[in-house]
């Protein structure tokens, strides 16, 4: 479980710099819609899978990552 929580934490916090950069620069032009939508869909599916197998690390990591991705999508809509 510690390994899963560590992996989930690292892959989730990896999006904080991107979100902060988009927020402060008010620019998301370098992010393609294809990547954002594909990645967000994958994260959503991982979340559903985590719920299905009742895995706390998978659920937590993908819930937070999905929230970050929603933030990026909203910024992309606003500044794109």
PDB file of N, CA and C in Angstrom:
ATOM      1  N   UNK A   1       0.827  -1.192   0.000  1.00  0.00           N
ATOM      2  CA  UNK A   1       0.000   0.000   0.000  1.00  0.00           C
ATOM      3  C   UNK A   1       0.875   1.260   0.000  1.00  0.00           C
ATOM      4  N   UNK A   2       1.996   1.238   0.726  1.00  0.00           N
ATOM      5  CA  UNK A   2       2.892   2.398   0.756  1.00  0.00           C
ATOM      6  C   UNK A   2       3.444   2.679  -0.635  1.00  0.00           C
ATOM      7  N   UNK A   3       3.809   1.618  -1.356  1.00  0.00           N
ATOM      8  CA  UNK A   3       4.323   1.785  -2.714  1.00  0.00           C
ATOM      9  C   UNK A   3       3.273   2.442  -3.609  1.00  0.00           C
ATOM     10  N   UNK A   4       2.047   1.983  -3.513  1.00  0.00           N
ATOM     11  CA  UNK A   4       0.965   2.554  -4.310  1.00  0.00           C
ATOM     12  C   UNK A   4       0.691   4.010  -3.966  1.00  0.00           C
ATOM     13  N   UNK A   5       0.691   4.328  -2.676  1.00  0.00           N
ATOM     14  CA  UNK A   5       0.466   5.713  -2.259  1.00  0.00           C
ATOM     15  C   UNK A   5       1.613   6.622  -2.705  1.00  0.00           C
ATOM     16  N   UNK A   6       2.842   6.120  -2.630  1.00  0.00           N
ATOM     17  CA  UNK A   6       3.992   6.910  -3.077  1.00  0.00           C
ATOM     18  C   UNK A   6       3.934   7.150  -4.583  1.00  0.00           C
ATOM     19  N   UNK A   7       3.669   6.104  -5.345  1.00  0.00           N
ATOM     20  CA  UNK A   7       3.564   6.236  -6.798  1.00  0.00           C
ATOM     21  C   UNK A   7       2.432   7.191  -7.175  1.00  0.00           C
ATOM     22  N   UNK A   8       1.294   7.033  -6.536  1.00  0.00           N
ATOM     23  CA  UNK A   8       0.155   7.909  -6.809  1.00  0.00           C
ATOM     24  C   UNK A   8       0.445   9.356  -6.465  1.00  0.00           C
ATOM     25  N   UNK A   9       1.123   9.567  -5.346  1.00  0.00           N
ATOM     26  CA  UNK A   9       1.476  10.926  -4.939  1.00  0.00           C
ATOM     27  C   UNK A   9       2.403  11.576  -5.949  1.00  0.00           C
ATOM     28  N   UNK A  10       3.435  10.859  -6.364  1.00  0.00           N
ATOM     29  CA  UNK A  10       4.397  11.429  -7.316  1.00  0.00           C
ATOM     30  C   UNK A  10       3.758  11.733  -8.672  1.00  0.00           C
ATOM     31  N   UNK A  11       2.953  10.816  -9.191  1.00  0.00           N
ATOM     32  CA  UNK A  11       2.340  11.072 -10.496  1.00  0.00           C
ATOM     33  C   UNK A  11       1.263  12.148 -10.412  1.00  0.00           C
ATOM     34  N   UNK A  12       0.670  12.306  -9.252  1.00  0.00           N
ATOM     35  CA  UNK A  12      -0.348  13.347  -9.085  1.00  0.00           C
ATOM     36  C   UNK A  12       0.281  14.724  -8.939  1.00  0.00           C
ATOM     37  N   UNK A  13       1.282  14.852  -8.079  1.00  0.00           N
ATOM     38  CA  UNK A  13       1.888  16.171  -7.869  1.00  0.00           C
ATOM     39  C   UNK A  13       2.666  16.644  -9.094  1.00  0.00           C
ATOM     40  N   UNK A  14       2.935  15.749 -10.017  1.00  0.00           N
ATOM     41  CA  UNK A  14       3.613  16.142 -11.255  1.00  0.00           C
ATOM     42  C   UNK A  14       2.797  17.170 -12.037  1.00  0.00           C
ATOM     43  N   UNK A  15       1.505  17.236 -11.800  1.00  0.00           N
ATOM     44  CA  UNK A  15       0.656  18.182 -12.524  1.00  0.00           C
ATOM     45  C   UNK A  15       0.574  19.552 -11.871  1.00  0.00           C
ATOM     46  N   UNK A  16       1.044  19.670 -10.652  1.00  0.00           N
ATOM     47  CA  UNK A  16       0.987  20.966  -9.975  1.00  0.00           C
ATOM     48  C   UNK A  16       1.789  22.034 -10.719  1.00  0.00           C
ATOM     49  N   UNK A  17       3.018  21.764 -11.156  1.00  0.00           N
ATOM     50  CA  UNK A  17       3.745  22.799 -11.912  1.00  0.00           C
ATOM     51  C   UNK A  17       3.026  23.223 -13.197  1.00  0.00           C
ATOM     52  N   UNK A  18       2.409  22.274 -13.888  1.00  0.00           N
ATOM     53  CA  UNK A  18       1.693  22.610 -15.129  1.00  0.00           C
ATOM     54  C   UNK A  18       0.487  23.484 -14.823  1.00  0.00           C
ATOM     55  N   UNK A  19      -0.244  23.129 -13.801  1.00  0.00           N
ATOM     56  CA  UNK A  19      -1.411  23.908 -13.398  1.00  0.00           C
ATOM     57  C   UNK A  19      -0.989  25.306 -12.956  1.00  0.00           C
ATOM     58  N   UNK A  20       0.074  25.395 -12.168  1.00  0.00           N
ATOM     59  CA  UNK A  20       0.574  26.697 -11.708  1.00  0.00           C
ATOM     60  C   UNK A  20       1.072  27.542 -12.879  1.00  0.00           C
ATOM     61  N   UNK A  21       1.771  26.918 -13.815  1.00  0.00           N
ATOM     62  CA  UNK A  21       2.274  27.644 -14.991  1.00  0.00           C
ATOM     63  C   UNK A  21       1.116  28.190 -15.827  1.00  0.00           C
ATOM     64  N   UNK A  22       0.113  27.368 -16.056  1.00  0.00           N
ATOM     65  CA  UNK A  22      -1.050  27.814 -16.829  1.00  0.00           C
ATOM     66  C   UNK A  22      -1.779  28.944 -16.109  1.00  0.00           C
ATOM     67  N   UNK A  23      -1.883  28.837 -14.799  1.00  0.00           N
ATOM     68  CA  UNK A  23      -2.573  29.851 -13.997  1.00  0.00           C
ATOM     69  C   UNK A  23      -1.828  31.180 -14.037  1.00  0.00           C
ATOM     70  N   UNK A  24      -0.513  31.146 -13.811  1.00  0.00           N
ATOM     71  CA  UNK A  24       0.245  32.401 -13.728  1.00  0.00           C
ATOM     72  C   UNK A  24       0.499  33.028 -15.097  1.00  0.00           C
ATOM     73  N   UNK A  25       0.716  32.199 -16.108  1.00  0.00           N
ATOM     74  CA  UNK A  25       0.994  32.747 -17.449  1.00  0.00           C
ATOM     75  C   UNK A  25      -0.283  33.066 -18.216  1.00  0.00           C
ATOM     76  N   UNK A  26      -1.398  32.526 -17.733  1.00  0.00           N
ATOM     77  CA  UNK A  26      -2.684  32.668 -18.425  1.00  0.00           C
ATOM     78  C   UNK A  26      -2.580  32.171 -19.867  1.00  0.00           C
ATOM     79  N   UNK A  27      -1.829  31.096 -20.020  1.00  0.00           N
ATOM     80  CA  UNK A  27      -1.611  30.515 -21.343  1.00  0.00           C
ATOM     81  C   UNK A  27      -1.619  28.993 -21.251  1.00  0.00           C
ATOM     82  N   UNK A  28      -2.362  28.373 -22.135  1.00  0.00           N
ATOM     83  CA  UNK A  28      -2.394  26.915 -22.212  1.00  0.00           C
ATOM     84  C   UNK A  28      -2.182  26.446 -23.644  1.00  0.00           C
ATOM     85  N   UNK A  29      -1.653  27.325 -24.464  1.00  0.00           N
ATOM     86  CA  UNK A  29      -1.475  27.010 -25.883  1.00  0.00           C
ATOM     87  C   UNK A  29      -0.564  25.829 -26.140  1.00  0.00           C
ATOM     88  N   UNK A  30       0.362  25.548 -25.230  1.00  0.00           N
ATOM     89  CA  UNK A  30       1.277  24.428 -25.420  1.00  0.00           C
ATOM     90  C   UNK A  30       0.653  23.081 -25.082  1.00  0.00           C
ATOM     91  N   UNK A  31      -0.537  23.095 -24.526  1.00  0.00           N
ATOM     92  CA  UNK A  31      -1.221  21.853 -24.182  1.00  0.00           C
ATOM     93  C   UNK A  31      -2.224  21.505 -25.277  1.00  0.00           C
ATOM     94  N   UNK A  32      -2.077  20.340 -25.873  1.00  0.00           N
ATOM     95  CA  UNK A  32      -3.014  19.947 -26.922  1.00  0.00           C
ATOM     96  C   UNK A  32      -4.289  19.381 -26.301  1.00  0.00           C
ATOM     97  N   UNK A  33      -5.410  19.670 -26.938  1.00  0.00           N
ATOM     98  CA  UNK A  33      -6.678  19.121 -26.467  1.00  0.00           C
ATOM     99  C   UNK A  33      -6.650  17.605 -26.504  1.00  0.00           C
ATOM    100  N   UNK A  34      -6.003  17.037 -27.516  1.00  0.00           N
ATOM    101  CA  UNK A  34      -5.930  15.578 -27.623  1.00  0.00           C
ATOM    102  C   UNK A  34      -5.295  14.953 -26.399  1.00  0.00           C
ATOM    103  N   UNK A  35      -4.186  15.518 -25.941  1.00  0.00           N
ATOM    104  CA  UNK A  35      -3.505  14.994 -24.765  1.00  0.00           C
ATOM    105  C   UNK A  35      -4.346  15.200 -23.516  1.00  0.00           C
ATOM    106  N   UNK A  36      -4.899  16.387 -23.367  1.00  0.00           N
ATOM    107  CA  UNK A  36      -5.675  16.700 -22.159  1.00  0.00           C
ATOM    108  C   UNK A  36      -6.894  15.782 -22.045  1.00  0.00           C
ATOM    109  N   UNK A  37      -7.628  15.606 -23.115  1.00  0.00           N
ATOM    110  CA  UNK A  37      -8.838  14.770 -23.089  1.00  0.00           C
ATOM    111  C   UNK A  37      -8.480  13.295 -22.938  1.00  0.00           C
ATOM    112  N   UNK A  38      -7.472  12.841 -23.675  1.00  0.00           N
ATOM    113  CA  UNK A  38      -7.072  11.435 -23.582  1.00  0.00           C
ATOM    114  C   UNK A  38      -6.581  11.099 -22.182  1.00  0.00           C
ATOM    115  N   UNK A  39      -5.724  11.946 -21.628  1.00  0.00           N
ATOM    116  CA  UNK A  39      -5.201  11.697 -20.288  1.00  0.00           C
ATOM    117  C   UNK A  39      -6.322  11.744 -19.252  1.00  0.00           C
ATOM    118  N   UNK A  40      -7.194  12.735 -19.345  1.00  0.00           N
ATOM    119  CA  UNK A  40      -8.292  12.859 -18.383  1.00  0.00           C
ATOM    120  C   UNK A  40      -9.212  11.646 -18.440  1.00  0.00           C
ATOM    121  N   UNK A  41      -9.481  11.153 -19.621  1.00  0.00           N
ATOM    122  CA  UNK A  41     -10.314   9.955 -19.771  1.00  0.00           C
ATOM    123  C   UNK A  41      -9.629   8.753 -19.130  1.00  0.00           C
ATOM    124  N   UNK A  42      -8.329   8.624 -19.353  1.00  0.00           N
ATOM    125  CA  UNK A  42      -7.585   7.537 -18.731  1.00  0.00           C
ATOM    126  C   UNK A  42      -7.617   7.614 -17.217  1.00  0.00           C
ATOM    127  N   UNK A  43      -7.462   8.806 -16.672  1.00  0.00           N
ATOM    128  CA  UNK A  43      -7.508   8.992 -15.222  1.00  0.00           C
ATOM    129  C   UNK A  43      -8.892   8.638 -14.689  1.00  0.00           C
ATOM    130  N   UNK A  44      -9.928   9.051 -15.401  1.00  0.00           N
ATOM    131  CA  UNK A  44     -11.292   8.719 -14.985  1.00  0.00           C
ATOM    132  C   UNK A  44     -11.493   7.205 -14.969  1.00  0.00           C
ATOM    133  N   UNK A  45     -10.992   6.531 -15.988  1.00  0.00           N
ATOM    134  CA  UNK A  45     -11.121   5.076 -16.035  1.00  0.00           C
ATOM    135  C   UNK A  45     -10.325   4.403 -14.910  1.00  0.00           C
ATOM    136  N   UNK A  46      -9.138   4.935 -14.593  1.00  0.00           N
ATOM    137  CA  UNK A  46      -8.368   4.408 -13.457  1.00  0.00           C
ATOM    138  C   UNK A  46      -9.139   4.604 -12.157  1.00  0.00           C
ATOM    139  N   UNK A  47      -9.805   5.739 -12.025  1.00  0.00           N
ATOM    140  CA  UNK A  47     -10.606   5.995 -10.829  1.00  0.00           C
ATOM    141  C   UNK A  47     -11.743   4.977 -10.714  1.00  0.00           C
ATOM    142  N   UNK A  48     -12.438   4.746 -11.807  1.00  0.00           N
ATOM    143  CA  UNK A  48     -13.522   3.752 -11.807  1.00  0.00           C
ATOM    144  C   UNK A  48     -12.961   2.376 -11.448  1.00  0.00           C
ATOM    145  N   UNK A  49     -11.817   2.031 -12.026  1.00  0.00           N
ATOM    146  CA  UNK A  49     -11.181   0.751 -11.723  1.00  0.00           C
ATOM    147  C   UNK A  49     -10.798   0.669 -10.246  1.00  0.00           C
ATOM    148  N   UNK A  50     -10.250   1.737  -9.706  1.00  0.00           N
ATOM    149  CA  UNK A  50      -9.882   1.763  -8.298  1.00  0.00           C
ATOM    150  C   UNK A  50     -11.073   1.551  -7.389  1.00  0.00           C
ATOM    151  N   UNK A  51     -12.196   2.159  -7.757  1.00  0.00           N
ATOM    152  CA  UNK A  51     -13.433   1.965  -6.980  1.00  0.00           C
ATOM    153  C   UNK A  51     -13.887   0.514  -7.098  1.00  0.00           C
ATOM    154  N   UNK A  52     -13.798  -0.018  -8.315  1.00  0.00           N
ATOM    155  CA  UNK A  52     -14.236  -1.388  -8.567  1.00  0.00           C
ATOM    156  C   UNK A  52     -13.438  -2.400  -7.742  1.00  0.00           C
ATOM    157  N   UNK A  53     -12.104  -2.202  -7.658  1.00  0.00           N
ATOM    158  CA  UNK A  53     -11.274  -3.149  -6.907  1.00  0.00           C
ATOM    159  C   UNK A  53     -11.073  -2.708  -5.456  1.00  0.00           C
ATOM    160  N   UNK A  54     -11.677  -1.601  -5.094  1.00  0.00           N
ATOM    161  CA  UNK A  54     -11.610  -1.075  -3.724  1.00  0.00           C
ATOM    162  C   UNK A  54     -10.164  -0.846  -3.274  1.00  0.00           C
ATOM    163  N   UNK A  55      -9.417  -0.104  -4.111  1.00  0.00           N
ATOM    164  CA  UNK A  55      -8.014   0.188  -3.827  1.00  0.00           C
ATOM    165  C   UNK A  55      -7.853   1.655  -3.458  1.00  0.00           C
ATOM    166  N   UNK A  56      -7.601   1.913  -2.182  1.00  0.00           N
ATOM    167  CA  UNK A  56      -7.478   3.283  -1.700  1.00  0.00           C
ATOM    168  C   UNK A  56      -6.391   4.078  -2.440  1.00  0.00           C
ATOM    169  N   UNK A  57      -5.188   3.532  -2.655  1.00  0.00           N
ATOM    170  CA  UNK A  57      -4.177   4.313  -3.370  1.00  0.00           C
ATOM    171  C   UNK A  57      -4.619   4.718  -4.776  1.00  0.00           C
ATOM    172  N   UNK A  58      -5.255   3.817  -5.486  1.00  0.00           N
ATOM    173  CA  UNK A  58      -5.711   4.110  -6.851  1.00  0.00           C
ATOM    174  C   UNK A  58      -6.832   5.144  -6.819  1.00  0.00           C
ATOM    175  N   UNK A  59      -7.738   5.011  -5.885  1.00  0.00           N
ATOM    176  CA  UNK A  59      -8.860   5.952  -5.762  1.00  0.00           C
ATOM    177  C   UNK A  59      -8.350   7.347  -5.409  1.00  0.00           C
ATOM    178  N   UNK A  60      -7.508   7.443  -4.396  1.00  0.00           N
ATOM    179  CA  UNK A  60      -7.019   8.758  -3.955  1.00  0.00           C
ATOM    180  C   UNK A  60      -6.203   9.454  -5.032  1.00  0.00           C
ATOM    181  N   UNK A  61      -5.241   8.744  -5.587  1.00  0.00           N
ATOM    182  CA  UNK A  61      -4.366   9.355  -6.589  1.00  0.00           C
ATOM    183  C   UNK A  61      -5.151   9.829  -7.801  1.00  0.00           C
ATOM    184  N   UNK A  62      -6.067   9.016  -8.270  1.00  0.00           N
ATOM    185  CA  UNK A  62      -6.790   9.389  -9.486  1.00  0.00           C
ATOM    186  C   UNK A  62      -7.882  10.417  -9.234  1.00  0.00           C
ATOM    187  N   UNK A  63      -8.430  10.466  -8.032  1.00  0.00           N
ATOM    188  CA  UNK A  63      -9.383  11.527  -7.702  1.00  0.00           C
ATOM    189  C   UNK A  63      -8.685  12.882  -7.724  1.00  0.00           C
ATOM    190  N   UNK A  64      -7.542  12.969  -7.069  1.00  0.00           N
ATOM    191  CA  UNK A  64      -6.809  14.242  -7.028  1.00  0.00           C
ATOM    192  C   UNK A  64      -6.294  14.609  -8.416  1.00  0.00           C
ATOM    193  N   UNK A  65      -5.755  13.626  -9.141  1.00  0.00           N
ATOM    194  CA  UNK A  65      -5.270  13.897 -10.498  1.00  0.00           C
ATOM    195  C   UNK A  65      -6.406  14.376 -11.396  1.00  0.00           C
ATOM    196  N   UNK A  66      -7.574  13.772 -11.275  1.00  0.00           N
ATOM    197  CA  UNK A  66      -8.720  14.200 -12.079  1.00  0.00           C
ATOM    198  C   UNK A  66      -9.120  15.631 -11.732  1.00  0.00           C
ATOM    199  N   UNK A  67      -9.066  15.984 -10.468  1.00  0.00           N
ATOM    200  CA  UNK A  67      -9.374  17.366 -10.071  1.00  0.00           C
ATOM    201  C   UNK A  67      -8.363  18.342 -10.690  1.00  0.00           C
ATOM    202  N   UNK A  68      -7.079  17.975 -10.673  1.00  0.00           N
ATOM    203  CA  UNK A  68      -6.063  18.814 -11.327  1.00  0.00           C
ATOM    204  C   UNK A  68      -6.344  18.920 -12.819  1.00  0.00           C
ATOM    205  N   UNK A  69      -6.707  17.815 -13.444  1.00  0.00           N
ATOM    206  CA  UNK A  69      -6.991  17.827 -14.879  1.00  0.00           C
ATOM    207  C   UNK A  69      -8.216  18.692 -15.193  1.00  0.00           C
ATOM    208  N   UNK A  70      -9.211  18.644 -14.346  1.00  0.00           N
ATOM    209  CA  UNK A  70     -10.385  19.511 -14.542  1.00  0.00           C
ATOM    210  C   UNK A  70      -9.954  20.968 -14.450  1.00  0.00           C
ATOM    211  N   UNK A  71      -9.067  21.281 -13.503  1.00  0.00           N
ATOM    212  CA  UNK A  71      -8.526  22.640 -13.416  1.00  0.00           C
ATOM    213  C   UNK A  71      -7.809  23.043 -14.686  1.00  0.00           C
ATOM    214  N   UNK A  72      -6.999  22.151 -15.236  1.00  0.00           N
ATOM    215  CA  UNK A  72      -6.288  22.435 -16.475  1.00  0.00           C
ATOM    216  C   UNK A  72      -7.277  22.623 -17.625  1.00  0.00           C
ATOM    217  N   UNK A  73      -8.304  21.794 -17.697  1.00  0.00           N
ATOM    218  CA  UNK A  73      -9.322  21.925 -18.742  1.00  0.00           C
ATOM    219  C   UNK A  73     -10.027  23.284 -18.630  1.00  0.00           C
ATOM    220  N   UNK A  74     -10.389  23.668 -17.415  1.00  0.00           N
ATOM    221  CA  UNK A  74     -11.055  24.954 -17.230  1.00  0.00           C
ATOM    222  C   UNK A  74     -10.147  26.119 -17.644  1.00  0.00           C
ATOM    223  N   UNK A  75      -8.860  26.019 -17.299  1.00  0.00           N
ATOM    224  CA  UNK A  75      -7.922  27.061 -17.715  1.00  0.00           C
ATOM    225  C   UNK A  75      -7.729  27.056 -19.231  1.00  0.00           C
ATOM    226  N   UNK A  76      -7.721  25.871 -19.823  1.00  0.00           N
ATOM    227  CA  UNK A  76      -7.578  25.784 -21.275  1.00  0.00           C
ATOM    228  C   UNK A  76      -8.784  26.414 -21.971  1.00  0.00           C
ATOM    229  N   UNK A  77      -9.954  26.184 -21.432  1.00  0.00           N
ATOM    230  CA  UNK A  77     -11.167  26.805 -21.993  1.00  0.00           C
ATOM    231  C   UNK A  77     -11.089  28.329 -21.820  1.00  0.00           C
ATOM    232  N   UNK A  78     -10.673  28.763 -20.644  1.00  0.00           N
ATOM    233  CA  UNK A  78     -10.637  30.199 -20.353  1.00  0.00           C
ATOM    234  C   UNK A  78      -9.550  30.932 -21.137  1.00  0.00           C
ATOM    235  N   UNK A  79      -8.344  30.349 -21.203  1.00  0.00           N
ATOM    236  CA  UNK A  79      -7.207  31.048 -21.816  1.00  0.00           C
ATOM    237  C   UNK A  79      -6.845  30.537 -23.198  1.00  0.00           C
ATOM    238  N   UNK A  80      -7.455  29.418 -23.604  1.00  0.00           N
ATOM    239  CA  UNK A  80      -7.088  28.833 -24.898  1.00  0.00           C
ATOM    240  C   UNK A  80      -7.761  29.543 -25.994  1.00  0.00           C
TER     241      UNK A  80
END
